[in-house]
Amino acid sequence: MEKLVQHSEKEQYTTAREAQLAHLREVLTRLEERASQAAGDAKVEMHRVAEEFRSRDVITRVRLSELKDSTSEAWEEVKFGFESAWAELEHSAKLARSHFHS
């Protein structure tokens, strides 16, 4: 029998992830500001990396919304989809940081 997730567990998890997403959105904003001040090929590459980061951010936010709306029965499956998107977002964030700090 599948474990039914408690409402408070779901709320705590999604609230924590929302805070982490807000922090990453701030990082993205700062990186985009830096990209706008760059020149030439560096500017093009920085914008490309920032756009990939933004794209992953949007996908992750959609998955979080789906997670928040999921039923207790569907929680684990939907959470798996969210965590997959989260991992891709974190990878994009690391890539962006490495490009912007090199």
PDB file of N, CA and C in Angstrom:
ATOM      1  N   MET A   1       0.845  -1.185   0.000  1.00  0.00           N
ATOM      2  CA  MET A   1       0.000   0.000   0.000  1.00  0.00           C
ATOM      3  C   MET A   1       0.889   1.247   0.000  1.00  0.00           C
ATOM      4  N   GLU A   2       0.551   2.198  -0.849  1.00  0.00           N
ATOM      5  CA  GLU A   2       1.351   3.420  -0.953  1.00  0.00           C
ATOM      6  C   GLU A   2       1.166   4.306   0.268  1.00  0.00           C
ATOM      7  N   LYS A   3       2.237   4.962   0.600  1.00  0.00           N
ATOM      8  CA  LYS A   3       2.200   5.906   1.724  1.00  0.00           C
ATOM      9  C   LYS A   3       1.440   7.157   1.295  1.00  0.00           C
ATOM     10  N   LEU A   4       0.518   7.584   2.086  1.00  0.00           N
ATOM     11  CA  LEU A   4      -0.198   8.818   1.804  1.00  0.00           C
ATOM     12  C   LEU A   4       0.537   9.951   2.490  1.00  0.00           C
ATOM     13  N   VAL A   5       0.839  10.970   1.724  1.00  0.00           N
ATOM     14  CA  VAL A   5       1.593  12.093   2.264  1.00  0.00           C
ATOM     15  C   VAL A   5       0.655  12.971   3.101  1.00  0.00           C
ATOM     16  N   GLN A   6       1.148  13.413   4.201  1.00  0.00           N
ATOM     17  CA  GLN A   6       0.391  14.296   5.070  1.00  0.00           C
ATOM     18  C   GLN A   6       0.405  15.707   4.495  1.00  0.00           C
ATOM     19  N   HIS A   7      -0.657  16.431   4.680  1.00  0.00           N
ATOM     20  CA  HIS A   7      -0.761  17.798   4.170  1.00  0.00           C
ATOM     21  C   HIS A   7       0.383  18.661   4.685  1.00  0.00           C
ATOM     22  N   SER A   8       0.719  18.530   5.955  1.00  0.00           N
ATOM     23  CA  SER A   8       1.776  19.366   6.527  1.00  0.00           C
ATOM     24  C   SER A   8       3.136  19.043   5.903  1.00  0.00           C
ATOM     25  N   GLU A   9       3.392  17.775   5.606  1.00  0.00           N
ATOM     26  CA  GLU A   9       4.645  17.383   4.960  1.00  0.00           C
ATOM     27  C   GLU A   9       4.728  18.008   3.563  1.00  0.00           C
ATOM     28  N   LYS A  10       3.639  17.938   2.841  1.00  0.00           N
ATOM     29  CA  LYS A  10       3.574  18.513   1.498  1.00  0.00           C
ATOM     30  C   LYS A  10       3.785  20.024   1.553  1.00  0.00           C
ATOM     31  N   GLU A  11       3.123  20.675   2.494  1.00  0.00           N
ATOM     32  CA  GLU A  11       3.240  22.125   2.632  1.00  0.00           C
ATOM     33  C   GLU A  11       4.659  22.540   3.024  1.00  0.00           C
ATOM     34  N   GLN A  12       5.274  21.823   3.937  1.00  0.00           N
ATOM     35  CA  GLN A  12       6.645  22.131   4.355  1.00  0.00           C
ATOM     36  C   GLN A  12       7.614  21.968   3.184  1.00  0.00           C
ATOM     37  N   TYR A  13       7.454  20.888   2.453  1.00  0.00           N
ATOM     38  CA  TYR A  13       8.342  20.613   1.323  1.00  0.00           C
ATOM     39  C   TYR A  13       8.199  21.693   0.247  1.00  0.00           C
ATOM     40  N   THR A  14       6.968  21.994  -0.133  1.00  0.00           N
ATOM     41  CA  THR A  14       6.765  22.972  -1.206  1.00  0.00           C
ATOM     42  C   THR A  14       7.162  24.383  -0.766  1.00  0.00           C
ATOM     43  N   THR A  15       6.928  24.724   0.479  1.00  0.00           N
ATOM     44  CA  THR A  15       7.323  26.040   0.988  1.00  0.00           C
ATOM     45  C   THR A  15       8.847  26.185   0.959  1.00  0.00           C
ATOM     46  N   ALA A  16       9.550  25.151   1.372  1.00  0.00           N
ATOM     47  CA  ALA A  16      11.017  25.187   1.352  1.00  0.00           C
ATOM     48  C   ALA A  16      11.532  25.316  -0.074  1.00  0.00           C
ATOM     49  N   ARG A  17      10.944  24.573  -0.997  1.00  0.00           N
ATOM     50  CA  ARG A  17      11.375  24.647  -2.396  1.00  0.00           C
ATOM     51  C   ARG A  17      11.054  26.010  -3.002  1.00  0.00           C
ATOM     52  N   GLU A  18       9.928  26.593  -2.629  1.00  0.00           N
ATOM     53  CA  GLU A  18       9.595  27.938  -3.121  1.00  0.00           C
ATOM     54  C   GLU A  18      10.658  28.949  -2.683  1.00  0.00           C
ATOM     55  N   ALA A  19      11.121  28.835  -1.450  1.00  0.00           N
ATOM     56  CA  ALA A  19      12.160  29.740  -0.953  1.00  0.00           C
ATOM     57  C   ALA A  19      13.459  29.533  -1.727  1.00  0.00           C
ATOM     58  N   GLN A  20      13.797  28.290  -2.006  1.00  0.00           N
ATOM     59  CA  GLN A  20      15.011  28.005  -2.773  1.00  0.00           C
ATOM     60  C   GLN A  20      14.880  28.541  -4.198  1.00  0.00           C
ATOM     61  N   LEU A  21      13.707  28.406  -4.789  1.00  0.00           N
ATOM     62  CA  LEU A  21      13.484  28.942  -6.131  1.00  0.00           C
ATOM     63  C   LEU A  21      13.586  30.463  -6.140  1.00  0.00           C
ATOM     64  N   ALA A  22      13.085  31.099  -5.101  1.00  0.00           N
ATOM     65  CA  ALA A  22      13.189  32.562  -5.011  1.00  0.00           C
ATOM     66  C   ALA A  22      14.651  32.985  -4.965  1.00  0.00           C
ATOM     67  N   HIS A  23      15.455  32.248  -4.211  1.00  0.00           N
ATOM     68  CA  HIS A  23      16.888  32.557  -4.151  1.00  0.00           C
ATOM     69  C   HIS A  23      17.530  32.380  -5.530  1.00  0.00           C
ATOM     70  N   LEU A  24      17.205  31.293  -6.211  1.00  0.00           N
ATOM     71  CA  LEU A  24      17.775  31.068  -7.544  1.00  0.00           C
ATOM     72  C   LEU A  24      17.305  32.129  -8.539  1.00  0.00           C
ATOM     73  N   ARG A  25      16.097  32.609  -8.369  1.00  0.00           N
ATOM     74  CA  ARG A  25      15.602  33.681  -9.249  1.00  0.00           C
ATOM     75  C   ARG A  25      16.431  34.945  -9.035  1.00  0.00           C
ATOM     76  N   GLU A  26      16.809  35.233  -7.786  1.00  0.00           N
ATOM     77  CA  GLU A  26      17.680  36.385  -7.494  1.00  0.00           C
ATOM     78  C   GLU A  26      19.051  36.207  -8.144  1.00  0.00           C
ATOM     79  N   VAL A  27      19.586  35.000  -8.059  1.00  0.00           N
ATOM     80  CA  VAL A  27      20.872  34.699  -8.695  1.00  0.00           C
ATOM     81  C   VAL A  27      20.757  34.929 -10.199  1.00  0.00           C
ATOM     82  N   LEU A  28      19.691  34.425 -10.791  1.00  0.00           N
ATOM     83  CA  LEU A  28      19.469  34.588 -12.226  1.00  0.00           C
ATOM     84  C   LEU A  28      19.394  36.054 -12.616  1.00  0.00           C
ATOM     85  N   THR A  29      18.693  36.848 -11.844  1.00  0.00           N
ATOM     86  CA  THR A  29      18.567  38.280 -12.126  1.00  0.00           C
ATOM     87  C   THR A  29      19.938  38.949 -12.115  1.00  0.00           C
ATOM     88  N   ARG A  30      20.757  38.625 -11.113  1.00  0.00           N
ATOM     89  CA  ARG A  30      22.111  39.202 -11.051  1.00  0.00           C
ATOM     90  C   ARG A  30      22.962  38.765 -12.238  1.00  0.00           C
ATOM     91  N   LEU A  31      22.834  37.502 -12.633  1.00  0.00           N
ATOM     92  CA  LEU A  31      23.600  37.006 -13.772  1.00  0.00           C
ATOM     93  C   LEU A  31      23.164  37.689 -15.064  1.00  0.00           C
ATOM     94  N   GLU A  32      21.881  37.906 -15.211  1.00  0.00           N
ATOM     95  CA  GLU A  32      21.386  38.594 -16.408  1.00  0.00           C
ATOM     96  C   GLU A  32      21.871  40.047 -16.448  1.00  0.00           C
ATOM     97  N   GLU A  33      21.947  40.681 -15.295  1.00  0.00           N
ATOM     98  CA  GLU A  33      22.481  42.047 -15.242  1.00  0.00           C
ATOM     99  C   GLU A  33      23.944  42.059 -15.676  1.00  0.00           C
ATOM    100  N   ARG A  34      24.702  41.085 -15.206  1.00  0.00           N
ATOM    101  CA  ARG A  34      26.102  40.974 -15.616  1.00  0.00           C
ATOM    102  C   ARG A  34      26.223  40.723 -17.109  1.00  0.00           C
ATOM    103  N   ALA A  35      25.371  39.878 -17.654  1.00  0.00           N
ATOM    104  CA  ALA A  35      25.401  39.571 -19.084  1.00  0.00           C
ATOM    105  C   ALA A  35      25.121  40.820 -19.910  1.00  0.00           C
ATOM    106  N   SER A  36      24.206  41.653 -19.436  1.00  0.00           N
ATOM    107  CA  SER A  36      23.867  42.863 -20.188  1.00  0.00           C
ATOM    108  C   SER A  36      25.024  43.856 -20.217  1.00  0.00           C
ATOM    109  N   GLN A  37      25.953  43.738 -19.276  1.00  0.00           N
ATOM    110  CA  GLN A  37      27.104  44.642 -19.227  1.00  0.00           C
ATOM    111  C   GLN A  37      28.320  44.083 -19.977  1.00  0.00           C
ATOM    112  N   ALA A  38      28.253  42.831 -20.387  1.00  0.00           N
ATOM    113  CA  ALA A  38      29.363  42.210 -21.107  1.00  0.00           C
ATOM    114  C   ALA A  38      29.374  42.709 -22.553  1.00  0.00           C
ATOM    115  N   ALA A  39      30.432  42.321 -23.271  1.00  0.00           N
ATOM    116  CA  ALA A  39      30.566  42.746 -24.668  1.00  0.00           C
ATOM    117  C   ALA A  39      30.930  41.560 -25.552  1.00  0.00           C
ATOM    118  N   GLY A  40      30.607  41.678 -26.814  1.00  0.00           N
ATOM    119  CA  GLY A  40      31.021  40.718 -27.831  1.00  0.00           C
ATOM    120  C   GLY A  40      30.532  39.302 -27.595  1.00  0.00           C
ATOM    121  N   ASP A  41      31.440  38.359 -27.876  1.00  0.00           N
ATOM    122  CA  ASP A  41      31.101  36.941 -27.751  1.00  0.00           C
ATOM    123  C   ASP A  41      30.744  36.560 -26.319  1.00  0.00           C
ATOM    124  N   ALA A  42      31.391  37.186 -25.368  1.00  0.00           N
ATOM    125  CA  ALA A  42      31.092  36.895 -23.962  1.00  0.00           C
ATOM    126  C   ALA A  42      29.639  37.227 -23.656  1.00  0.00           C
ATOM    127  N   LYS A  43      29.163  38.335 -24.191  1.00  0.00           N
ATOM    128  CA  LYS A  43      27.777  38.743 -23.954  1.00  0.00           C
ATOM    129  C   LYS A  43      26.813  37.719 -24.551  1.00  0.00           C
ATOM    130  N   VAL A  44      27.101  37.280 -25.764  1.00  0.00           N
ATOM    131  CA  VAL A  44      26.244  36.294 -26.426  1.00  0.00           C
ATOM    132  C   VAL A  44      26.200  35.002 -25.621  1.00  0.00           C
ATOM    133  N   GLU A  45      27.370  34.518 -25.195  1.00  0.00           N
ATOM    134  CA  GLU A  45      27.441  33.274 -24.433  1.00  0.00           C
ATOM    135  C   GLU A  45      26.754  33.419 -23.077  1.00  0.00           C
ATOM    136  N   MET A  46      26.960  34.536 -22.415  1.00  0.00           N
ATOM    137  CA  MET A  46      26.329  34.752 -21.113  1.00  0.00           C
ATOM    138  C   MET A  46      24.806  34.792 -21.241  1.00  0.00           C
ATOM    139  N   HIS A  47      24.313  35.417 -22.291  1.00  0.00           N
ATOM    140  CA  HIS A  47      22.860  35.454 -22.504  1.00  0.00           C
ATOM    141  C   HIS A  47      22.316  34.054 -22.820  1.00  0.00           C
ATOM    142  N   ARG A  48      23.082  33.271 -23.569  1.00  0.00           N
ATOM    143  CA  ARG A  48      22.647  31.914 -23.892  1.00  0.00           C
ATOM    144  C   ARG A  48      22.540  31.073 -22.617  1.00  0.00           C
ATOM    145  N   VAL A  49      23.551  31.160 -21.781  1.00  0.00           N
ATOM    146  CA  VAL A  49      23.566  30.396 -20.531  1.00  0.00           C
ATOM    147  C   VAL A  49      22.449  30.879 -19.602  1.00  0.00           C
ATOM    148  N   ALA A  50      22.249  32.175 -19.516  1.00  0.00           N
ATOM    149  CA  ALA A  50      21.184  32.730 -18.669  1.00  0.00           C
ATOM    150  C   ALA A  50      19.809  32.293 -19.178  1.00  0.00           C
ATOM    151  N   GLU A  51      19.646  32.235 -20.490  1.00  0.00           N
ATOM    152  CA  GLU A  51      18.356  31.811 -21.056  1.00  0.00           C
ATOM    153  C   GLU A  51      18.080  30.343 -20.735  1.00  0.00           C
ATOM    154  N   GLU A  52      19.104  29.511 -20.777  1.00  0.00           N
ATOM    155  CA  GLU A  52      18.942  28.107 -20.401  1.00  0.00           C
ATOM    156  C   GLU A  52      18.541  28.006 -18.928  1.00  0.00           C
ATOM    157  N   PHE A  53      19.173  28.786 -18.089  1.00  0.00           N
ATOM    158  CA  PHE A  53      18.859  28.842 -16.665  1.00  0.00           C
ATOM    159  C   PHE A  53      17.395  29.264 -16.485  1.00  0.00           C
ATOM    160  N   ARG A  54      16.986  30.317 -17.186  1.00  0.00           N
ATOM    161  CA  ARG A  54      15.611  30.814 -17.077  1.00  0.00           C
ATOM    162  C   ARG A  54      14.613  29.750 -17.533  1.00  0.00           C
ATOM    163  N   SER A  55      14.931  29.066 -18.626  1.00  0.00           N
ATOM    164  CA  SER A  55      14.056  28.012 -19.137  1.00  0.00           C
ATOM    165  C   SER A  55      13.858  26.913 -18.102  1.00  0.00           C
ATOM    166  N   ARG A  56      14.944  26.485 -17.473  1.00  0.00           N
ATOM    167  CA  ARG A  56      14.855  25.458 -16.428  1.00  0.00           C
ATOM    168  C   ARG A  56      14.074  25.968 -15.220  1.00  0.00           C
ATOM    169  N   ASP A  57      14.212  27.244 -14.920  1.00  0.00           N
ATOM    170  CA  ASP A  57      13.469  27.855 -13.817  1.00  0.00           C
ATOM    171  C   ASP A  57      11.962  27.773 -14.084  1.00  0.00           C
ATOM    172  N   VAL A  58      11.566  28.097 -15.297  1.00  0.00           N
ATOM    173  CA  VAL A  58      10.142  28.055 -15.663  1.00  0.00           C
ATOM    174  C   VAL A  58       9.608  26.628 -15.548  1.00  0.00           C
ATOM    175  N   ILE A  59      10.346  25.673 -16.093  1.00  0.00           N
ATOM    176  CA  ILE A  59       9.915  24.272 -16.033  1.00  0.00           C
ATOM    177  C   ILE A  59       9.785  23.814 -14.581  1.00  0.00           C
ATOM    178  N   THR A  60      10.731  24.175 -13.759  1.00  0.00           N
ATOM    179  CA  THR A  60      10.711  23.766 -12.351  1.00  0.00           C
ATOM    180  C   THR A  60       9.533  24.393 -11.623  1.00  0.00           C
ATOM    181  N   ARG A  61       9.231  25.637 -11.924  1.00  0.00           N
ATOM    182  CA  ARG A  61       8.074  26.288 -11.298  1.00  0.00           C
ATOM    183  C   ARG A  61       6.764  25.619 -11.700  1.00  0.00           C
ATOM    184  N   VAL A  62       6.666  25.195 -12.953  1.00  0.00           N
ATOM    185  CA  VAL A  62       5.472  24.471 -13.404  1.00  0.00           C
ATOM    186  C   VAL A  62       5.357  23.156 -12.643  1.00  0.00           C
ATOM    187  N   ARG A  63       6.473  22.437 -12.525  1.00  0.00           N
ATOM    188  CA  ARG A  63       6.457  21.157 -11.795  1.00  0.00           C
ATOM    189  C   ARG A  63       6.106  21.363 -10.317  1.00  0.00           C
ATOM    190  N   LEU A  64       6.573  22.455  -9.733  1.00  0.00           N
ATOM    191  CA  LEU A  64       6.237  22.740  -8.335  1.00  0.00           C
ATOM    192  C   LEU A  64       4.737  23.015  -8.206  1.00  0.00           C
ATOM    193  N   SER A  65       4.192  23.734  -9.143  1.00  0.00           N
ATOM    194  CA  SER A  65       2.754  23.995  -9.125  1.00  0.00           C
ATOM    195  C   SER A  65       1.968  22.683  -9.224  1.00  0.00           C
ATOM    196  N   GLU A  66       2.416  21.792 -10.092  1.00  0.00           N
ATOM    197  CA  GLU A  66       1.779  20.478 -10.217  1.00  0.00           C
ATOM    198  C   GLU A  66       1.891  19.701  -8.906  1.00  0.00           C
ATOM    199  N   LEU A  67       3.037  19.817  -8.273  1.00  0.00           N
ATOM    200  CA  LEU A  67       3.257  19.123  -7.002  1.00  0.00           C
ATOM    201  C   LEU A  67       2.304  19.655  -5.934  1.00  0.00           C
ATOM    202  N   LYS A  68       2.175  20.970  -5.872  1.00  0.00           N
ATOM    203  CA  LYS A  68       1.288  21.577  -4.874  1.00  0.00           C
ATOM    204  C   LYS A  68      -0.161  21.157  -5.096  1.00  0.00           C
ATOM    205  N   ASP A  69      -0.530  20.944  -6.357  1.00  0.00           N
ATOM    206  CA  ASP A  69      -1.909  20.578  -6.687  1.00  0.00           C
ATOM    207  C   ASP A  69      -2.154  19.073  -6.668  1.00  0.00           C
ATOM    208  N   SER A  70      -1.107  18.284  -6.451  1.00  0.00           N
ATOM    209  CA  SER A  70      -1.244  16.824  -6.520  1.00  0.00           C
ATOM    210  C   SER A  70      -2.022  16.284  -5.326  1.00  0.00           C
ATOM    211  N   THR A  71      -2.631  15.161  -5.566  1.00  0.00           N
ATOM    212  CA  THR A  71      -3.331  14.466  -4.488  1.00  0.00           C
ATOM    213  C   THR A  71      -2.322  13.707  -3.650  1.00  0.00           C
ATOM    214  N   SER A  72      -2.721  13.296  -2.486  1.00  0.00           N
ATOM    215  CA  SER A  72      -1.846  12.500  -1.628  1.00  0.00           C
ATOM    216  C   SER A  72      -1.412  11.219  -2.334  1.00  0.00           C
ATOM    217  N   GLU A  73      -2.320  10.631  -3.081  1.00  0.00           N
ATOM    218  CA  GLU A  73      -2.032   9.383  -3.773  1.00  0.00           C
ATOM    219  C   GLU A  73      -0.985   9.573  -4.873  1.00  0.00           C
ATOM    220  N   ALA A  74      -0.971  10.721  -5.513  1.00  0.00           N
ATOM    221  CA  ALA A  74      -0.060  10.986  -6.629  1.00  0.00           C
ATOM    222  C   ALA A  74       1.229  11.672  -6.197  1.00  0.00           C
ATOM    223  N   TRP A  75       1.340  12.020  -4.937  1.00  0.00           N
ATOM    224  CA  TRP A  75       2.464  12.815  -4.432  1.00  0.00           C
ATOM    225  C   TRP A  75       3.829  12.283  -4.862  1.00  0.00           C
ATOM    226  N   GLU A  76       4.120  11.023  -4.605  1.00  0.00           N
ATOM    227  CA  GLU A  76       5.452  10.472  -4.884  1.00  0.00           C
ATOM    228  C   GLU A  76       5.792  10.554  -6.370  1.00  0.00           C
ATOM    229  N   GLU A  77       4.850  10.232  -7.223  1.00  0.00           N
ATOM    230  CA  GLU A  77       5.098  10.276  -8.660  1.00  0.00           C
ATOM    231  C   GLU A  77       5.334  11.707  -9.138  1.00  0.00           C
ATOM    232  N   VAL A  78       4.504  12.624  -8.688  1.00  0.00           N
ATOM    233  CA  VAL A  78       4.640  14.023  -9.093  1.00  0.00           C
ATOM    234  C   VAL A  78       5.915  14.610  -8.479  1.00  0.00           C
ATOM    235  N   LYS A  79       6.235  14.226  -7.265  1.00  0.00           N
ATOM    236  CA  LYS A  79       7.454  14.695  -6.608  1.00  0.00           C
ATOM    237  C   LYS A  79       8.682  14.242  -7.387  1.00  0.00           C
ATOM    238  N   PHE A  80       8.666  13.025  -7.909  1.00  0.00           N
ATOM    239  CA  PHE A  80       9.773  12.529  -8.720  1.00  0.00           C
ATOM    240  C   PHE A  80       9.976  13.432  -9.942  1.00  0.00           C
ATOM    241  N   GLY A  81       8.890  13.818 -10.617  1.00  0.00           N
ATOM    242  CA  GLY A  81       8.983  14.721 -11.764  1.00  0.00           C
ATOM    243  C   GLY A  81       9.532  16.083 -11.374  1.00  0.00           C
ATOM    244  N   PHE A  82       9.091  16.579 -10.225  1.00  0.00           N
ATOM    245  CA  PHE A  82       9.603  17.860  -9.745  1.00  0.00           C
ATOM    246  C   PHE A  82      11.090  17.760  -9.444  1.00  0.00           C
ATOM    247  N   GLU A  83      11.498  16.710  -8.747  1.00  0.00           N
ATOM    248  CA  GLU A  83      12.900  16.575  -8.364  1.00  0.00           C
ATOM    249  C   GLU A  83      13.810  16.400  -9.578  1.00  0.00           C
ATOM    250  N   SER A  84      13.302  15.809 -10.623  1.00  0.00           N
ATOM    251  CA  SER A  84      14.061  15.707 -11.869  1.00  0.00           C
ATOM    252  C   SER A  84      14.268  17.102 -12.463  1.00  0.00           C
ATOM    253  N   ALA A  85      13.209  17.890 -12.503  1.00  0.00           N
ATOM    254  CA  ALA A  85      13.314  19.271 -12.993  1.00  0.00           C
ATOM    255  C   ALA A  85      14.228  20.090 -12.098  1.00  0.00           C
ATOM    256  N   TRP A  86      14.143  19.865 -10.788  1.00  0.00           N
ATOM    257  CA  TRP A  86      14.984  20.580  -9.827  1.00  0.00           C
ATOM    258  C   TRP A  86      16.465  20.282 -10.085  1.00  0.00           C
ATOM    259  N   ALA A  87      16.795  19.020 -10.327  1.00  0.00           N
ATOM    260  CA  ALA A  87      18.178  18.638 -10.583  1.00  0.00           C
ATOM    261  C   ALA A  87      18.702  19.328 -11.846  1.00  0.00           C
ATOM    262  N   GLU A  88      17.875  19.415 -12.869  1.00  0.00           N
ATOM    263  CA  GLU A  88      18.279  20.093 -14.098  1.00  0.00           C
ATOM    264  C   GLU A  88      18.460  21.592 -13.856  1.00  0.00           C
ATOM    265  N   LEU A  89      17.605  22.166 -13.035  1.00  0.00           N
ATOM    266  CA  LEU A  89      17.741  23.586 -12.697  1.00  0.00           C
ATOM    267  C   LEU A  89      19.040  23.825 -11.937  1.00  0.00           C
ATOM    268  N   GLU A  90      19.334  22.990 -10.962  1.00  0.00           N
ATOM    269  CA  GLU A  90      20.578  23.141 -10.207  1.00  0.00           C
ATOM    270  C   GLU A  90      21.798  23.014 -11.120  1.00  0.00           C
ATOM    271  N   HIS A  91      21.741  22.086 -12.067  1.00  0.00           N
ATOM    272  CA  HIS A  91      22.839  21.938 -13.019  1.00  0.00           C
ATOM    273  C   HIS A  91      22.998  23.208 -13.852  1.00  0.00           C
ATOM    274  N   SER A  92      21.888  23.768 -14.331  1.00  0.00           N
ATOM    275  CA  SER A  92      21.932  25.017 -15.102  1.00  0.00           C
ATOM    276  C   SER A  92      22.477  26.164 -14.260  1.00  0.00           C
ATOM    277  N   ALA A  93      22.111  26.200 -12.989  1.00  0.00           N
ATOM    278  CA  ALA A  93      22.604  27.252 -12.100  1.00  0.00           C
ATOM    279  C   ALA A  93      24.114  27.141 -11.928  1.00  0.00           C
ATOM    280  N   LYS A  94      24.614  25.932 -11.742  1.00  0.00           N
ATOM    281  CA  LYS A  94      26.060  25.733 -11.591  1.00  0.00           C
ATOM    282  C   LYS A  94      26.786  26.114 -12.875  1.00  0.00           C
ATOM    283  N   LEU A  95      26.235  25.719 -13.996  1.00  0.00           N
ATOM    284  CA  LEU A  95      26.832  26.067 -15.279  1.00  0.00           C
ATOM    285  C   LEU A  95      26.869  27.576 -15.471  1.00  0.00           C
ATOM    286  N   ALA A  96      25.773  28.227 -15.138  1.00  0.00           N
ATOM    287  CA  ALA A  96      25.708  29.684 -15.283  1.00  0.00           C
ATOM    288  C   ALA A  96      26.737  30.347 -14.370  1.00  0.00           C
ATOM    289  N   ARG A  97      26.824  29.897 -13.137  1.00  0.00           N
ATOM    290  CA  ARG A  97      27.798  30.478 -12.214  1.00  0.00           C
ATOM    291  C   ARG A  97      29.218  30.304 -12.729  1.00  0.00           C
ATOM    292  N   SER A  98      29.512  29.141 -13.292  1.00  0.00           N
ATOM    293  CA  SER A  98      30.867  28.918 -13.798  1.00  0.00           C
ATOM    294  C   SER A  98      31.182  29.805 -14.989  1.00  0.00           C
ATOM    295  N   HIS A  99      30.203  30.039 -15.841  1.00  0.00           N
ATOM    296  CA  HIS A  99      30.404  30.927 -16.990  1.00  0.00           C
ATOM    297  C   HIS A  99      30.555  32.390 -16.561  1.00  0.00           C
ATOM    298  N   PHE A 100      29.792  32.757 -15.576  1.00  0.00           N
ATOM    299  CA  PHE A 100      29.766  34.155 -15.173  1.00  0.00           C
ATOM    300  C   PHE A 100      30.910  34.521 -14.227  1.00  0.00           C
ATOM    301  N   HIS A 101      31.523  33.522 -13.632  1.00  0.00           N
ATOM    302  CA  HIS A 101      32.608  33.806 -12.687  1.00  0.00           C
ATOM    303  C   HIS A 101      33.979  33.444 -13.228  1.00  0.00           C
ATOM    304  N   SER A 102      34.016  33.038 -14.496  1.00  0.00           N
ATOM    305  CA  SER A 102      35.316  32.674 -15.059  1.00  0.00           C
ATOM    306  C   SER A 102      36.018  33.860 -15.658  1.00  0.00           C
TER     307      SER A 102
END
